[in-house]
N, C-alpha and C. Protein backbone atom coordinates (compact mmCIF):
# COMPACT_ATOMS: atom_id res chain seq x y z
N MET A 1 -12.53 194.72 58.29
CA MET A 1 -11.80 195.17 59.47
C MET A 1 -11.50 196.66 59.29
N GLY A 2 -11.69 197.43 60.35
CA GLY A 2 -11.44 198.85 60.29
C GLY A 2 -9.95 199.17 60.36
N ILE A 3 -9.66 200.42 60.11
CA ILE A 3 -8.27 200.86 60.09
C ILE A 3 -7.62 200.68 61.46
N VAL A 4 -8.35 201.05 62.52
CA VAL A 4 -7.78 200.95 63.86
C VAL A 4 -7.49 199.50 64.21
N GLU A 5 -8.44 198.62 63.90
CA GLU A 5 -8.24 197.20 64.19
C GLU A 5 -7.05 196.64 63.41
N ALA A 6 -6.89 197.08 62.17
CA ALA A 6 -5.76 196.62 61.36
C ALA A 6 -4.44 197.10 61.96
N LEU A 7 -4.41 198.34 62.41
CA LEU A 7 -3.19 198.86 63.05
C LEU A 7 -2.87 198.10 64.33
N ILE A 8 -3.89 197.83 65.12
CA ILE A 8 -3.67 197.08 66.37
C ILE A 8 -3.12 195.69 66.06
N GLU A 9 -3.69 195.04 65.06
CA GLU A 9 -3.23 193.70 64.68
C GLU A 9 -1.77 193.74 64.21
N GLN A 10 -1.41 194.75 63.43
CA GLN A 10 -0.03 194.87 62.97
C GLN A 10 0.90 195.16 64.14
N ALA A 11 0.45 195.99 65.07
CA ALA A 11 1.29 196.32 66.23
C ALA A 11 1.55 195.08 67.09
N ARG A 12 0.59 194.19 67.16
CA ARG A 12 0.76 192.96 67.96
C ARG A 12 1.87 192.08 67.40
N ARG A 13 2.13 192.20 66.11
CA ARG A 13 3.15 191.37 65.47
C ARG A 13 4.56 191.94 65.63
N LEU A 14 4.66 193.16 66.09
CA LEU A 14 5.97 193.81 66.23
C LEU A 14 6.73 193.27 67.44
N PRO A 15 8.05 193.36 67.40
CA PRO A 15 8.84 193.03 68.59
C PRO A 15 8.50 194.01 69.72
N ARG A 16 8.77 193.58 70.93
CA ARG A 16 8.41 194.35 72.12
C ARG A 16 8.94 195.79 72.07
N ALA A 17 10.19 195.97 71.68
CA ALA A 17 10.79 197.31 71.64
C ALA A 17 10.05 198.21 70.65
N ASP A 18 9.68 197.66 69.52
CA ASP A 18 8.96 198.45 68.52
C ASP A 18 7.53 198.77 68.99
N ARG A 19 6.90 197.82 69.67
CA ARG A 19 5.57 198.10 70.23
C ARG A 19 5.64 199.24 71.23
N GLN A 20 6.70 199.26 72.05
CA GLN A 20 6.86 200.33 73.01
C GLN A 20 7.02 201.68 72.31
N ARG A 21 7.75 201.71 71.22
CA ARG A 21 7.92 202.95 70.44
C ARG A 21 6.58 203.43 69.90
N VAL A 22 5.74 202.49 69.44
CA VAL A 22 4.42 202.85 68.92
C VAL A 22 3.57 203.45 70.04
N VAL A 23 3.58 202.81 71.20
CA VAL A 23 2.80 203.31 72.34
C VAL A 23 3.26 204.71 72.72
N GLU A 24 4.56 204.92 72.80
CA GLU A 24 5.08 206.25 73.16
C GLU A 24 4.69 207.30 72.12
N ALA A 25 4.74 206.93 70.85
CA ALA A 25 4.38 207.88 69.80
C ALA A 25 2.90 208.26 69.88
N VAL A 26 2.05 207.28 70.15
CA VAL A 26 0.62 207.55 70.28
C VAL A 26 0.36 208.43 71.49
N GLU A 27 0.98 208.11 72.63
CA GLU A 27 0.81 208.92 73.83
C GLU A 27 1.28 210.35 73.60
N ASP A 28 2.42 210.51 72.95
CA ASP A 28 2.93 211.85 72.67
C ASP A 28 1.97 212.62 71.76
N SER A 29 1.40 211.95 70.79
CA SER A 29 0.50 212.64 69.87
C SER A 29 -0.78 213.07 70.58
N LEU A 30 -1.23 212.29 71.56
CA LEU A 30 -2.43 212.66 72.31
C LEU A 30 -2.18 213.89 73.16
N VAL A 31 -1.03 213.95 73.79
CA VAL A 31 -0.71 215.11 74.62
C VAL A 31 -0.53 216.34 73.76
N GLU A 32 0.08 216.21 72.61
CA GLU A 32 0.31 217.35 71.72
C GLU A 32 -0.99 217.90 71.16
N ASP A 33 -2.03 217.06 71.05
CA ASP A 33 -3.30 217.51 70.48
C ASP A 33 -4.17 218.28 71.47
N THR A 34 -3.78 218.39 72.70
CA THR A 34 -4.60 219.09 73.69
C THR A 34 -4.39 220.58 73.59
N THR A 35 -5.29 221.33 74.21
CA THR A 35 -5.17 222.78 74.19
C THR A 35 -4.25 223.28 75.29
N ILE A 36 -3.82 222.40 76.18
CA ILE A 36 -2.91 222.78 77.25
C ILE A 36 -1.50 222.86 76.67
N ALA A 37 -0.83 223.93 76.92
CA ALA A 37 0.53 224.09 76.41
C ALA A 37 1.44 223.06 77.06
N PRO A 38 2.33 222.45 76.31
CA PRO A 38 3.24 221.45 76.88
C PRO A 38 4.06 222.07 78.01
N GLY A 39 4.18 221.31 79.08
CA GLY A 39 4.99 221.76 80.20
C GLY A 39 4.23 222.57 81.23
N THR A 40 2.92 222.82 81.01
CA THR A 40 2.20 223.62 82.01
C THR A 40 1.74 222.76 83.19
N ALA A 41 1.47 221.49 82.94
CA ALA A 41 1.11 220.59 84.03
C ALA A 41 2.37 219.86 84.46
N GLU A 42 2.46 219.58 85.75
CA GLU A 42 3.66 218.92 86.25
C GLU A 42 3.28 217.75 87.15
N GLY A 43 4.24 216.86 87.35
CA GLY A 43 4.05 215.76 88.28
C GLY A 43 3.54 214.51 87.62
N PRO A 44 3.15 213.53 88.44
CA PRO A 44 2.77 212.22 87.91
C PRO A 44 1.45 212.24 87.14
N TYR A 45 0.66 213.29 87.28
CA TYR A 45 -0.64 213.35 86.60
C TYR A 45 -0.61 214.25 85.36
N GLU A 46 0.57 214.62 84.90
CA GLU A 46 0.71 215.54 83.77
C GLU A 46 -0.06 215.05 82.55
N ARG A 47 0.12 213.79 82.20
CA ARG A 47 -0.53 213.25 81.00
C ARG A 47 -2.04 213.22 81.18
N SER A 48 -2.51 212.84 82.38
CA SER A 48 -3.95 212.79 82.62
C SER A 48 -4.55 214.19 82.57
N LEU A 49 -3.89 215.16 83.17
CA LEU A 49 -4.39 216.53 83.15
C LEU A 49 -4.42 217.09 81.74
N ALA A 50 -3.43 216.74 80.95
CA ALA A 50 -3.39 217.23 79.58
C ALA A 50 -4.55 216.67 78.76
N LEU A 51 -4.99 215.46 79.08
CA LEU A 51 -6.08 214.84 78.34
C LEU A 51 -7.45 215.18 78.90
N ALA A 52 -7.51 215.81 80.05
CA ALA A 52 -8.79 216.10 80.70
C ALA A 52 -9.70 216.89 79.76
N GLY A 53 -10.93 216.41 79.66
CA GLY A 53 -11.91 217.10 78.83
C GLY A 53 -11.82 216.79 77.35
N THR A 54 -10.93 215.91 76.94
CA THR A 54 -10.78 215.64 75.51
C THR A 54 -11.52 214.38 75.07
N MET A 55 -12.12 213.68 76.00
CA MET A 55 -12.80 212.44 75.66
C MET A 55 -14.24 212.49 76.14
N HIS A 56 -15.08 211.63 75.61
CA HIS A 56 -16.49 211.61 75.96
C HIS A 56 -16.92 210.17 76.22
N THR A 57 -17.85 210.03 77.12
CA THR A 57 -18.43 208.73 77.39
C THR A 57 -19.95 208.84 77.40
N ALA A 58 -20.62 207.80 77.03
CA ALA A 58 -22.08 207.78 77.07
C ALA A 58 -22.58 207.31 78.43
N PHE A 59 -21.66 206.99 79.33
CA PHE A 59 -22.02 206.52 80.67
C PHE A 59 -22.70 207.64 81.44
N THR A 60 -23.81 207.32 82.08
CA THR A 60 -24.49 208.31 82.92
C THR A 60 -24.43 207.85 84.36
N ASP A 61 -24.46 208.79 85.26
CA ASP A 61 -24.47 208.47 86.68
C ASP A 61 -25.48 209.38 87.37
N VAL A 62 -25.50 209.34 88.69
CA VAL A 62 -26.47 210.12 89.45
C VAL A 62 -26.32 211.61 89.15
N SER A 63 -25.09 212.10 89.03
CA SER A 63 -24.91 213.53 88.80
C SER A 63 -25.46 213.97 87.45
N THR A 64 -25.49 213.05 86.48
CA THR A 64 -26.04 213.39 85.17
C THR A 64 -27.53 213.66 85.27
N ASP A 65 -28.22 212.88 86.09
CA ASP A 65 -29.67 213.01 86.26
C ASP A 65 -30.03 213.62 87.60
N LYS A 66 -29.17 214.49 88.12
CA LYS A 66 -29.37 214.99 89.48
C LYS A 66 -30.69 215.73 89.65
N TYR A 67 -31.11 216.48 88.65
CA TYR A 67 -32.34 217.25 88.81
C TYR A 67 -33.55 216.34 88.89
N LYS A 68 -33.53 215.24 88.16
CA LYS A 68 -34.62 214.27 88.23
C LYS A 68 -34.67 213.67 89.64
N HIS A 69 -33.49 213.32 90.17
CA HIS A 69 -33.44 212.73 91.50
C HIS A 69 -33.82 213.74 92.58
N LEU A 70 -33.34 214.96 92.44
CA LEU A 70 -33.69 215.99 93.42
C LEU A 70 -35.18 216.29 93.39
N ALA A 71 -35.76 216.32 92.21
CA ALA A 71 -37.20 216.57 92.10
C ALA A 71 -37.99 215.49 92.82
N ALA A 72 -37.55 214.25 92.69
CA ALA A 72 -38.23 213.15 93.37
C ALA A 72 -38.14 213.30 94.88
N VAL A 73 -36.97 213.69 95.36
CA VAL A 73 -36.76 213.85 96.81
C VAL A 73 -37.61 215.00 97.34
N TYR A 74 -37.56 216.14 96.66
CA TYR A 74 -38.33 217.31 97.11
C TYR A 74 -39.83 217.07 97.00
N ALA A 75 -40.26 216.33 96.00
CA ALA A 75 -41.69 216.05 95.83
C ALA A 75 -42.17 215.17 96.99
N SER A 76 -41.35 214.20 97.39
CA SER A 76 -41.76 213.34 98.50
C SER A 76 -41.78 214.11 99.81
N GLN A 77 -40.93 215.12 99.97
CA GLN A 77 -40.92 215.93 101.19
C GLN A 77 -42.13 216.84 101.24
N THR A 78 -42.57 217.39 100.13
CA THR A 78 -43.72 218.29 100.14
C THR A 78 -45.02 217.52 100.32
N ASP A 79 -45.06 216.27 99.95
CA ASP A 79 -46.25 215.46 100.16
C ASP A 79 -46.49 215.22 101.65
N ASP A 80 -45.42 215.17 102.43
CA ASP A 80 -45.54 214.90 103.87
C ASP A 80 -45.98 216.13 104.65
N VAL A 81 -45.84 217.32 104.10
CA VAL A 81 -46.11 218.55 104.85
C VAL A 81 -47.56 218.83 104.89
């Protein structure tokens, strides 16, 4: 079992109040690790804005392959001319 899984398992055994403290500590540490100075973002999206750009996903969508899709569209248009 990895370190993260072990921590999660231990956190599950904690009383609710202690689990909440762990969650708050983790959230605070994530915000502090960003390059955005604390207090520069405001409102209900402060935490999300502070984390923007700090994570990565392997998920691809149309915008990831936009040039491939655009090439297909333009190629089909030039064939008709």
